C-alpha atoms as a PDB file:
ATOM      1  CA  UNK A   1       0.000   0.000   0.000  1.00  0.00           C
ATOM      2  CA  UNK A   2       2.804   2.438   0.908  1.00  0.00           C
ATOM      3  CA  UNK A   3       4.504   1.972  -2.471  1.00  0.00           C
ATOM      4  CA  UNK A   4       1.243   2.537  -4.345  1.00  0.00           C
ATOM      5  CA  UNK A   5       0.807   5.853  -2.531  1.00  0.00           C
ATOM      6  CA  UNK A   6       4.366   6.803  -3.506  1.00  0.00           C
ATOM      7  CA  UNK A   7       3.681   5.906  -7.134  1.00  0.00           C
ATOM      8  CA  UNK A   8       0.495   7.971  -7.163  1.00  0.00           C
ATOM      9  CA  UNK A   9       2.304  10.947  -5.627  1.00  0.00           C
ATOM     10  CA  UNK A  10       5.106  10.762  -8.201  1.00  0.00           C
ATOM     11  CA  UNK A  11       2.627  10.464 -11.079  1.00  0.00           C
ATOM     12  CA  UNK A  12       0.712  13.492  -9.772  1.00  0.00           C
ATOM     13  CA  UNK A  13       3.924  15.519  -9.541  1.00  0.00           C
ATOM     14  CA  UNK A  14       4.927  14.344 -12.992  1.00  0.00           C
ATOM     15  CA  UNK A  15       1.616  15.402 -14.492  1.00  0.00           C
ATOM     16  CA  UNK A  16       1.927  18.789 -12.823  1.00  0.00           C
ATOM     17  CA  UNK A  17       5.439  19.283 -14.232  1.00  0.00           C
ATOM     18  CA  UNK A  18       4.402  18.043 -17.711  1.00  0.00           C
ATOM     19  CA  UNK A  19       1.583  20.574 -17.737  1.00  0.00           C
ATOM     20  CA  UNK A  20       3.767  23.456 -16.526  1.00  0.00           C
ATOM     21  CA  UNK A  21       6.560  22.591 -18.982  1.00  0.00           C
ATOM     22  CA  UNK A  22       4.162  22.404 -21.918  1.00  0.00           C
ATOM     23  CA  UNK A  23       2.476  25.672 -20.987  1.00  0.00           C
ATOM     24  CA  UNK A  24       5.787  27.488 -20.629  1.00  0.00           C
ATOM     25  CA  UNK A  25       6.777  26.385 -24.120  1.00  0.00           C
ATOM     26  CA  UNK A  26       3.357  26.792 -25.733  1.00  0.00           C
ATOM     27  CA  UNK A  27       0.998  29.263 -24.084  1.00  0.00           C
ATOM     28  CA  UNK A  28      -1.976  27.962 -26.063  1.00  0.00           C
ATOM     29  CA  UNK A  29      -1.877  24.522 -24.381  1.00  0.00           C
ATOM     30  CA  UNK A  30      -5.130  23.874 -22.548  1.00  0.00           C
ATOM     31  CA  UNK A  31      -5.384  22.293 -19.101  1.00  0.00           C
ATOM     32  CA  UNK A  32      -7.998  19.879 -20.437  1.00  0.00           C
ATOM     33  CA  UNK A  33      -5.403  18.294 -22.737  1.00  0.00           C
ATOM     34  CA  UNK A  34      -3.747  16.690 -19.738  1.00  0.00           C
ATOM     35  CA  UNK A  35      -6.937  14.900 -18.757  1.00  0.00           C
ATOM     36  CA  UNK A  36      -7.371  13.264 -22.164  1.00  0.00           C
ATOM     37  CA  UNK A  37      -5.803   9.971 -23.253  1.00  0.00           C
ATOM     38  CA  UNK A  38      -2.653  11.808 -24.337  1.00  0.00           C
ATOM     39  CA  UNK A  39      -2.186  13.117 -20.798  1.00  0.00           C
ATOM     40  CA  UNK A  40      -3.078  11.299 -17.628  1.00  0.00           C
ATOM     41  CA  UNK A  41      -4.030   8.011 -19.309  1.00  0.00           C
ATOM     42  CA  UNK A  42      -0.694   7.816 -21.129  1.00  0.00           C
ATOM     43  CA  UNK A  43       1.159   8.774 -17.966  1.00  0.00           C
ATOM     44  CA  UNK A  44      -0.489   6.003 -15.938  1.00  0.00           C
ATOM     45  CA  UNK A  45       0.013   3.406 -18.674  1.00  0.00           C
ATOM     46  CA  UNK A  46       3.686   4.318 -19.057  1.00  0.00           C
ATOM     47  CA  UNK A  47       4.309   4.268 -15.314  1.00  0.00           C
ATOM     48  CA  UNK A  48       2.573   0.985 -14.639  1.00  0.00           C
ATOM     49  CA  UNK A  49       3.550  -1.141 -17.627  1.00  0.00           C
ATOM     50  CA  UNK A  50       5.579  -1.522 -20.777  1.00  0.00           C
ATOM     51  CA  UNK A  51       9.245  -1.589 -21.563  1.00  0.00           C
ATOM     52  CA  UNK A  52      10.134   1.636 -19.730  1.00  0.00           C
ATOM     53  CA  UNK A  53       8.635   0.213 -16.543  1.00  0.00           C
ATOM     54  CA  UNK A  54      10.301  -3.185 -17.039  1.00  0.00           C
ATOM     55  CA  UNK A  55      13.750  -1.623 -17.413  1.00  0.00           C
ATOM     56  CA  UNK A  56      13.162   0.894 -14.609  1.00  0.00           C
ATOM     57  CA  UNK A  57      12.266  -1.959 -12.253  1.00  0.00           C
ATOM     58  CA  UNK A  58      15.465  -3.795 -13.199  1.00  0.00           C
ATOM     59  CA  UNK A  59      17.470  -0.578 -12.790  1.00  0.00           C
ATOM     60  CA  UNK A  60      16.049  -0.012  -9.304  1.00  0.00           C
ATOM     61  CA  UNK A  61      16.511  -3.658  -8.264  1.00  0.00           C
ATOM     62  CA  UNK A  62      20.214  -3.545  -9.137  1.00  0.00           C
ATOM     63  CA  UNK A  63      20.651  -0.166  -7.439  1.00  0.00           C
ATOM     64  CA  UNK A  64      21.605   1.574 -10.673  1.00  0.00           C
ATOM     65  CA  UNK A  65      24.711  -0.578 -11.068  1.00  0.00           C
ATOM     66  CA  UNK A  66      23.763  -1.476 -14.639  1.00  0.00           C
ATOM     67  CA  UNK A  67      23.130   1.387 -17.032  1.00  0.00           C
ATOM     68  CA  UNK A  68      19.909   1.745 -18.960  1.00  0.00           C
ATOM     69  CA  UNK A  69      21.871   0.969 -22.130  1.00  0.00           C
ATOM     70  CA  UNK A  70      22.951  -2.373 -20.639  1.00  0.00           C
ATOM     71  CA  UNK A  71      19.459  -3.166 -19.388  1.00  0.00           C
ATOM     72  CA  UNK A  72      17.938  -2.199 -22.719  1.00  0.00           C
ATOM     73  CA  UNK A  73      20.248  -4.636 -24.520  1.00  0.00           C
ATOM     74  CA  UNK A  74      19.579  -7.462 -22.036  1.00  0.00           C
ATOM     75  CA  UNK A  75      15.844  -7.074 -21.559  1.00  0.00           C
ATOM     76  CA  UNK A  76      14.467  -5.517 -24.724  1.00  0.00           C
ATOM     77  CA  UNK A  77      16.441  -7.443 -27.365  1.00  0.00           C
ATOM     78  CA  UNK A  78      16.657  -4.647 -29.904  1.00  0.00           C
ATOM     79  CA  UNK A  79      13.787  -2.428 -28.795  1.00  0.00           C
ATOM     80  CA  UNK A  80      14.666   1.005 -27.478  1.00  0.00           C
ATOM     81  CA  UNK A  81      13.624   2.847 -24.343  1.00  0.00           C
ATOM     82  CA  UNK A  82      11.788   6.104 -24.814  1.00  0.00           C
ATOM     83  CA  UNK A  83      11.812   7.470 -21.264  1.00  0.00           C
ATOM     84  CA  UNK A  84      15.572   7.809 -20.810  1.00  0.00           C
ATOM     85  CA  UNK A  85      16.003   9.690 -24.091  1.00  0.00           C
ATOM     86  CA  UNK A  86      13.020  11.928 -23.333  1.00  0.00           C
ATOM     87  CA  UNK A  87      14.387  12.675 -19.854  1.00  0.00           C
ATOM     88  CA  UNK A  88      17.694  13.758 -21.392  1.00  0.00           C
ATOM     89  CA  UNK A  89      16.044  15.948 -24.035  1.00  0.00           C
ATOM     90  CA  UNK A  90      13.730  17.639 -21.518  1.00  0.00           C
ATOM     91  CA  UNK A  91      16.666  18.185 -19.147  1.00  0.00           C
ATOM     92  CA  UNK A  92      18.640  19.905 -21.920  1.00  0.00           C
ATOM     93  CA  UNK A  93      15.720  22.256 -22.669  1.00  0.00           C
ATOM     94  CA  UNK A  94      15.369  23.063 -18.974  1.00  0.00           C
ATOM     95  CA  UNK A  95      19.101  23.659 -18.568  1.00  0.00           C
ATOM     96  CA  UNK A  96      19.302  25.814 -21.681  1.00  0.00           C
ATOM     97  CA  UNK A  97      16.375  27.993 -20.580  1.00  0.00           C
ATOM     98  CA  UNK A  98      17.443  28.204 -16.931  1.00  0.00           C
ATOM     99  CA  UNK A  99      14.347  26.335 -15.711  1.00  0.00           C
ATOM    100  CA  UNK A 100      15.958  23.441 -13.806  1.00  0.00           C
ATOM    101  CA  UNK A 101      14.827  24.775 -10.426  1.00  0.00           C
ATOM    102  CA  UNK A 102      11.216  24.953 -11.658  1.00  0.00           C
ATOM    103  CA  UNK A 103      11.122  21.214 -12.463  1.00  0.00           C
ATOM    104  CA  UNK A 104      12.691  19.225  -9.623  1.00  0.00           C
ATOM    105  CA  UNK A 105      11.077  15.905 -10.603  1.00  0.00           C
ATOM    106  CA  UNK A 106      12.261  16.140 -14.214  1.00  0.00           C
ATOM    107  CA  UNK A 107      15.758  17.025 -12.968  1.00  0.00           C
ATOM    108  CA  UNK A 108      15.751  14.150 -10.462  1.00  0.00           C
ATOM    109  CA  UNK A 109      14.633  11.599 -13.048  1.00  0.00           C
ATOM    110  CA  UNK A 110      17.379  12.650 -15.467  1.00  0.00           C
ATOM    111  CA  UNK A 111      20.035  12.563 -12.753  1.00  0.00           C
ATOM    112  CA  UNK A 112      18.930   9.045 -11.797  1.00  0.00           C
ATOM    113  CA  UNK A 113      19.036   7.950 -15.453  1.00  0.00           C
ATOM    114  CA  UNK A 114      22.620   9.123 -15.906  1.00  0.00           C
ATOM    115  CA  UNK A 115      23.798   7.671 -12.578  1.00  0.00           C
ATOM    116  CA  UNK A 116      24.317  10.978 -10.785  1.00  0.00           C
ATOM    117  CA  UNK A 117      21.676  10.010  -8.193  1.00  0.00           C
ATOM    118  CA  UNK A 118      20.684   6.559  -6.903  1.00  0.00           C
ATOM    119  CA  UNK A 119      17.280   5.118  -7.860  1.00  0.00           C
ATOM    120  CA  UNK A 120      16.074   5.724  -4.290  1.00  0.00           C
ATOM    121  CA  UNK A 121      16.307   9.478  -4.925  1.00  0.00           C
ATOM    122  CA  UNK A 122      12.885   9.356  -6.565  1.00  0.00           C
ATOM    123  CA  UNK A 123      11.290   8.277  -3.286  1.00  0.00           C
ATOM    124  CA  UNK A 124      13.313  10.809  -1.317  1.00  0.00           C
ATOM    125  CA  UNK A 125      12.203  13.504  -3.780  1.00  0.00           C
ATOM    126  CA  UNK A 126       8.532  12.561  -3.498  1.00  0.00           C
ATOM    127  CA  UNK A 127       8.664  12.784   0.288  1.00  0.00           C
ATOM    128  CA  UNK A 128      10.120  16.296   0.300  1.00  0.00           C
END
């Protein structure tokens, strides 16, 4: 039960940051967009299943000792992860625009992906 509450909290924070990021880049983005299938439904599906989740679980279980590139090769047999690349691209936009402090979850996720922070940092972030 505790972990499910943590997951829900992280997804809520992620949705909030996705919305804020999109609206900073494109002022015409509507709040309602995030409650359609392309928003919250996609977020939940991505977090709870699929190849990104499978590799993230393996990454967390091994404490980040294996990189996502290694896990991708072992687990996905030729398929590619989307989340790690997206995290890097979003991080670069945030860094370039000076917005890193506005998006602590996005920053934390990227830093976990590149090995700068341990996987447990996501839980520590969500509790702060």
